[in-house]
Amino acid sequence: MVLLLGIMFVHASYREWTTKPVLKEEGDLVSRLDLTDLCLFTEASYTRHLSQADFHTPFQDHPFSLEHFPSGSMVRPSMVLRTRNVNLD
């Protein structure tokens, strides 16, 4: 078992060493094309692209509607949406 554990660590470091150029190239492509964030959930638009949702997106059906997608309760809004520039009251 110890030998197997050692082989797993050697394999992980080898894979990291061999895929590092590919990851750097993909990161440069994302920066160059100015792509949005990663799509983690496929249910609702405000959980699909977190950086592109606004305050009212979860309530677009009705102002008093309840959250009916499970992913909406797992993800917090981005820092841009949580900071307020003006008093909304």
C-alpha atoms as a PDB file:
ATOM      1  CA  MET A   1       0.000   0.000   0.000  1.00  0.00           C
ATOM      2  CA  VAL A   2       2.857   2.376   0.775  1.00  0.00           C
ATOM      3  CA  LEU A   3       4.404   1.574  -2.594  1.00  0.00           C
ATOM      4  CA  LEU A   4       1.083   2.265  -4.311  1.00  0.00           C
ATOM      5  CA  LEU A   5       0.786   5.572  -2.466  1.00  0.00           C
ATOM      6  CA  GLY A   6       4.293   6.516  -3.572  1.00  0.00           C
ATOM      7  CA  ILE A   7       3.503   5.633  -7.175  1.00  0.00           C
ATOM      8  CA  MET A   8       0.385   7.809  -7.007  1.00  0.00           C
ATOM      9  CA  PHE A   9       2.448  10.814  -5.888  1.00  0.00           C
ATOM     10  CA  VAL A  10       5.058  10.227  -8.587  1.00  0.00           C
ATOM     11  CA  HIS A  11       2.350   9.930 -11.230  1.00  0.00           C
ATOM     12  CA  ALA A  12       0.635  13.133 -10.033  1.00  0.00           C
ATOM     13  CA  SER A  13       3.874  15.125 -10.183  1.00  0.00           C
ATOM     14  CA  TYR A  14       4.683  13.699 -13.628  1.00  0.00           C
ATOM     15  CA  ARG A  15       1.223  14.657 -14.957  1.00  0.00           C
ATOM     16  CA  GLU A  16       1.590  18.154 -13.523  1.00  0.00           C
ATOM     17  CA  TRP A  17       4.984  18.557 -15.173  1.00  0.00           C
ATOM     18  CA  THR A  18       3.747  17.331 -18.576  1.00  0.00           C
ATOM     19  CA  THR A  19       0.501  19.339 -18.656  1.00  0.00           C
ATOM     20  CA  LYS A  20       1.901  22.649 -17.403  1.00  0.00           C
ATOM     21  CA  PRO A  21       2.627  24.034 -20.927  1.00  0.00           C
ATOM     22  CA  VAL A  22      -0.866  23.114 -22.102  1.00  0.00           C
ATOM     23  CA  LEU A  23      -2.481  24.806 -19.092  1.00  0.00           C
ATOM     24  CA  LYS A  24      -0.398  27.933 -19.646  1.00  0.00           C
ATOM     25  CA  GLU A  25      -1.407  28.027 -23.310  1.00  0.00           C
ATOM     26  CA  GLU A  26      -5.091  27.644 -22.405  1.00  0.00           C
ATOM     27  CA  GLY A  27      -4.785  30.351 -19.754  1.00  0.00           C
ATOM     28  CA  ASP A  28      -3.248  32.706 -22.309  1.00  0.00           C
ATOM     29  CA  LEU A  29      -6.096  31.933 -24.707  1.00  0.00           C
ATOM     30  CA  VAL A  30      -8.689  32.747 -22.037  1.00  0.00           C
ATOM     31  CA  SER A  31      -6.929  36.037 -21.289  1.00  0.00           C
ATOM     32  CA  ARG A  32      -6.560  36.929 -24.946  1.00  0.00           C
ATOM     33  CA  LEU A  33     -10.209  36.202 -25.797  1.00  0.00           C
ATOM     34  CA  ASP A  34     -11.474  37.761 -22.535  1.00  0.00           C
ATOM     35  CA  LEU A  35     -13.696  34.779 -21.768  1.00  0.00           C
ATOM     36  CA  THR A  36     -16.169  34.798 -18.881  1.00  0.00           C
ATOM     37  CA  ASP A  37     -16.077  32.641 -15.797  1.00  0.00           C
ATOM     38  CA  LEU A  38     -16.487  28.895 -15.668  1.00  0.00           C
ATOM     39  CA  CYS A  39     -20.005  27.477 -16.074  1.00  0.00           C
ATOM     40  CA  LEU A  40     -20.539  25.431 -12.906  1.00  0.00           C
ATOM     41  CA  PHE A  41     -24.298  24.906 -13.008  1.00  0.00           C
ATOM     42  CA  THR A  42     -26.670  24.548 -15.964  1.00  0.00           C
ATOM     43  CA  GLU A  43     -29.986  25.293 -14.281  1.00  0.00           C
ATOM     44  CA  ALA A  44     -30.532  29.038 -14.295  1.00  0.00           C
ATOM     45  CA  SER A  45     -28.783  31.901 -16.058  1.00  0.00           C
ATOM     46  CA  TYR A  46     -27.789  33.592 -12.800  1.00  0.00           C
ATOM     47  CA  THR A  47     -26.023  30.445 -11.584  1.00  0.00           C
ATOM     48  CA  ARG A  48     -24.629  29.575 -15.009  1.00  0.00           C
ATOM     49  CA  HIS A  49     -22.619  32.789 -15.413  1.00  0.00           C
ATOM     50  CA  LEU A  50     -22.037  34.247 -11.981  1.00  0.00           C
ATOM     51  CA  SER A  51     -20.191  37.350 -13.117  1.00  0.00           C
ATOM     52  CA  GLN A  52     -23.011  38.402 -15.434  1.00  0.00           C
ATOM     53  CA  ALA A  53     -25.994  38.255 -13.081  1.00  0.00           C
ATOM     54  CA  ASP A  54     -27.523  41.281 -11.409  1.00  0.00           C
ATOM     55  CA  PHE A  55     -29.538  41.847  -8.215  1.00  0.00           C
ATOM     56  CA  HIS A  56     -32.914  41.107  -9.789  1.00  0.00           C
ATOM     57  CA  THR A  57     -32.122  38.050 -11.894  1.00  0.00           C
ATOM     58  CA  PRO A  58     -33.280  35.416  -9.349  1.00  0.00           C
ATOM     59  CA  PHE A  59     -36.599  37.267  -9.051  1.00  0.00           C
ATOM     60  CA  GLN A  60     -37.270  37.795 -12.746  1.00  0.00           C
ATOM     61  CA  ASP A  61     -40.429  35.671 -12.673  1.00  0.00           C
ATOM     62  CA  HIS A  62     -41.992  37.450  -9.712  1.00  0.00           C
ATOM     63  CA  PRO A  63     -40.572  39.799  -7.042  1.00  0.00           C
ATOM     64  CA  PHE A  64     -41.682  37.489  -4.215  1.00  0.00           C
ATOM     65  CA  SER A  65     -40.827  34.203  -5.904  1.00  0.00           C
ATOM     66  CA  LEU A  66     -38.841  31.660  -3.950  1.00  0.00           C
ATOM     67  CA  GLU A  67     -35.586  30.157  -5.113  1.00  0.00           C
ATOM     68  CA  HIS A  68     -36.547  26.976  -6.935  1.00  0.00           C
ATOM     69  CA  PHE A  69     -33.138  25.920  -8.240  1.00  0.00           C
ATOM     70  CA  PRO A  70     -30.858  24.094  -5.777  1.00  0.00           C
ATOM     71  CA  SER A  71     -27.737  25.707  -7.221  1.00  0.00           C
ATOM     72  CA  GLY A  72     -28.981  29.172  -6.252  1.00  0.00           C
ATOM     73  CA  SER A  73     -28.654  28.248  -2.597  1.00  0.00           C
ATOM     74  CA  MET A  74     -25.119  26.870  -3.011  1.00  0.00           C
ATOM     75  CA  VAL A  75     -23.429  29.840  -4.678  1.00  0.00           C
ATOM     76  CA  ARG A  76     -22.974  33.297  -3.224  1.00  0.00           C
ATOM     77  CA  PRO A  77     -23.113  36.379  -5.456  1.00  0.00           C
ATOM     78  CA  SER A  78     -19.799  37.806  -6.622  1.00  0.00           C
ATOM     79  CA  MET A  79     -18.067  40.587  -4.695  1.00  0.00           C
ATOM     80  CA  VAL A  80     -19.090  43.097  -7.360  1.00  0.00           C
ATOM     81  CA  LEU A  81     -22.742  42.401  -6.639  1.00  0.00           C
ATOM     82  CA  ARG A  82     -22.284  42.397  -2.862  1.00  0.00           C
ATOM     83  CA  THR A  83     -20.674  45.831  -2.713  1.00  0.00           C
ATOM     84  CA  ARG A  84     -23.049  48.764  -2.950  1.00  0.00           C
ATOM     85  CA  ASN A  85     -22.078  52.082  -4.412  1.00  0.00           C
ATOM     86  CA  VAL A  86     -25.298  53.857  -3.529  1.00  0.00           C
ATOM     87  CA  ASN A  87     -27.893  53.472  -0.847  1.00  0.00           C
ATOM     88  CA  LEU A  88     -30.760  51.489  -2.346  1.00  0.00           C
ATOM     89  CA  ASP A  89     -33.271  52.304   0.411  1.00  0.00           C
END
